[in-house]
C-alpha atoms as a PDB file:
ATOM      1  CA  HIS A   1       8.889  -0.565   6.613  1.00  0.00           C
ATOM      2  CA  PHE A   2       5.801   0.318   8.300  1.00  0.00           C
ATOM      3  CA  ALA A   3       5.372   1.549  12.079  1.00  0.00           C
ATOM      4  CA  ILE A   4       2.086   0.891  13.583  1.00  0.00           C
ATOM      5  CA  TYR A   5       1.053   2.327  16.893  1.00  0.00           C
ATOM      6  CA  SER A   6      -1.078   0.441  19.298  1.00  0.00           C
ATOM      7  CA  SER A   7      -3.123   2.670  21.726  1.00  0.00           C
ATOM      8  CA  GLU A   8      -4.260  -0.246  23.637  1.00  0.00           C
ATOM      9  CA  ASN A   9      -0.599  -1.471  24.340  1.00  0.00           C
ATOM     10  CA  ALA A  10       0.914   1.923  24.290  1.00  0.00           C
ATOM     11  CA  SER A  11       3.473   0.435  21.858  1.00  0.00           C
ATOM     12  CA  TRP A  12       5.013   0.399  18.273  1.00  0.00           C
ATOM     13  CA  LYS A  13       5.316  -2.204  15.656  1.00  0.00           C
ATOM     14  CA  GLN A  14       7.584  -2.501  12.966  1.00  0.00           C
ATOM     15  CA  ILE A  15       6.650  -4.421   9.741  1.00  0.00           C
ATOM     16  CA  ALA A  16       9.302  -4.873   6.922  1.00  0.00           C
ATOM     17  CA  VAL A  17       8.051  -4.677   3.295  1.00  0.00           C
ATOM     18  CA  SER A  18       9.655  -5.940   0.438  1.00  0.00           C
ATOM     19  CA  GLU A  19       8.315  -3.712  -2.315  1.00  0.00           C
ATOM     20  CA  PRO A  20       9.387  -0.020  -2.968  1.00  0.00           C
ATOM     21  CA  LEU A  21       6.296   1.841  -2.537  1.00  0.00           C
ATOM     22  CA  GLY A  22       7.213   5.439  -2.458  1.00  0.00           C
ATOM     23  CA  ASP A  23       6.307   8.146  -0.029  1.00  0.00           C
ATOM     24  CA  GLU A  24       3.064   9.117  -1.173  1.00  0.00           C
ATOM     25  CA  GLY A  25       0.161   7.014  -0.033  1.00  0.00           C
ATOM     26  CA  VAL A  26      -3.267   7.734   0.769  1.00  0.00           C
ATOM     27  CA  PHE A  27      -5.155   5.918   3.747  1.00  0.00           C
ATOM     28  CA  TRP A  28      -8.487   5.100   2.910  1.00  0.00           C
ATOM     29  CA  ASN A  29     -10.902   2.482   4.166  1.00  0.00           C
ATOM     30  CA  GLY A  30      -8.497   0.998   6.442  1.00  0.00           C
ATOM     31  CA  GLU A  31      -5.837   0.473   3.818  1.00  0.00           C
ATOM     32  CA  ILE A  32      -2.900   2.678   2.786  1.00  0.00           C
ATOM     33  CA  HIS A  33      -2.780   2.983  -1.047  1.00  0.00           C
ATOM     34  CA  TRP A  34       0.049   3.475  -3.829  1.00  0.00           C
ATOM     35  CA  LEU A  35       0.199   3.597  -7.611  1.00  0.00           C
ATOM     36  CA  SER A  36       3.679   2.776  -8.625  1.00  0.00           C
ATOM     37  CA  VAL A  37       5.189   3.822 -11.841  1.00  0.00           C
ATOM     38  CA  GLU A  38       4.949  -0.144 -13.227  1.00  0.00           C
ATOM     39  CA  ASP A  39       1.081   0.514 -13.551  1.00  0.00           C
ATOM     40  CA  VAL A  40       0.798  -1.869 -10.240  1.00  0.00           C
ATOM     41  CA  HIS A  41      -1.640  -0.619  -7.186  1.00  0.00           C
ATOM     42  CA  PHE A  42      -0.265  -1.649  -3.718  1.00  0.00           C
ATOM     43  CA  ARG A  43      -2.372  -1.210  -0.471  1.00  0.00           C
ATOM     44  CA  PHE A  44      -1.242  -2.205   2.784  1.00  0.00           C
ATOM     45  CA  ASP A  45      -4.249  -3.431   5.131  1.00  0.00           C
ATOM     46  CA  VAL A  46      -3.561  -2.210   8.446  1.00  0.00           C
ATOM     47  CA  ASP A  47      -5.624  -4.478  10.631  1.00  0.00           C
ATOM     48  CA  ALA A  48      -4.343  -7.794   8.842  1.00  0.00           C
ATOM     49  CA  GLU A  49      -0.805  -6.171   8.575  1.00  0.00           C
ATOM     50  CA  LYS A  50      -0.711  -7.427   4.771  1.00  0.00           C
ATOM     51  CA  LEU A  51       0.505  -5.857   1.694  1.00  0.00           C
ATOM     52  CA  ILE A  52      -1.417  -6.866  -1.305  1.00  0.00           C
ATOM     53  CA  LYS A  53      -0.137  -6.013  -5.106  1.00  0.00           C
ATOM     54  CA  THR A  54      -2.624  -6.052  -7.952  1.00  0.00           C
ATOM     55  CA  PRO A  55      -1.761  -5.096 -11.610  1.00  0.00           C
ATOM     56  CA  LEU A  56      -3.560  -2.292 -13.129  1.00  0.00           C
ATOM     57  CA  PRO A  57      -5.490  -3.505 -16.307  1.00  0.00           C
ATOM     58  CA  PRO A  58      -3.547  -2.677 -19.694  1.00  0.00           C
ATOM     59  CA  ARG A  59      -4.048   1.124 -20.865  1.00  0.00           C
ATOM     60  CA  PRO A  60      -6.503   1.479 -23.749  1.00  0.00           C
ATOM     61  CA  LYS A  61      -4.881   2.201 -27.206  1.00  0.00           C
ATOM     62  CA  ILE A  62      -6.088   5.304 -28.603  1.00  0.00           C
ATOM     63  CA  LEU A  63      -7.149   4.971 -32.336  1.00  0.00           C
ATOM     64  CA  SER A  64      -7.447   8.054 -34.697  1.00  0.00           C
END
């Protein structure tokens, strides 16, 4: 879950998330970003309070 603080209301809001995201997220451009071990990019839009899941493209095959 996320705890988002509103300085306008001086209050916290709890948001439940059903995906396992891990502890190492990066805040960038209004969103928190994670890469999962299953090759999925997760981003949480703080303003919209929405989690977005995007599959990463397949890894290229290295030919000898």
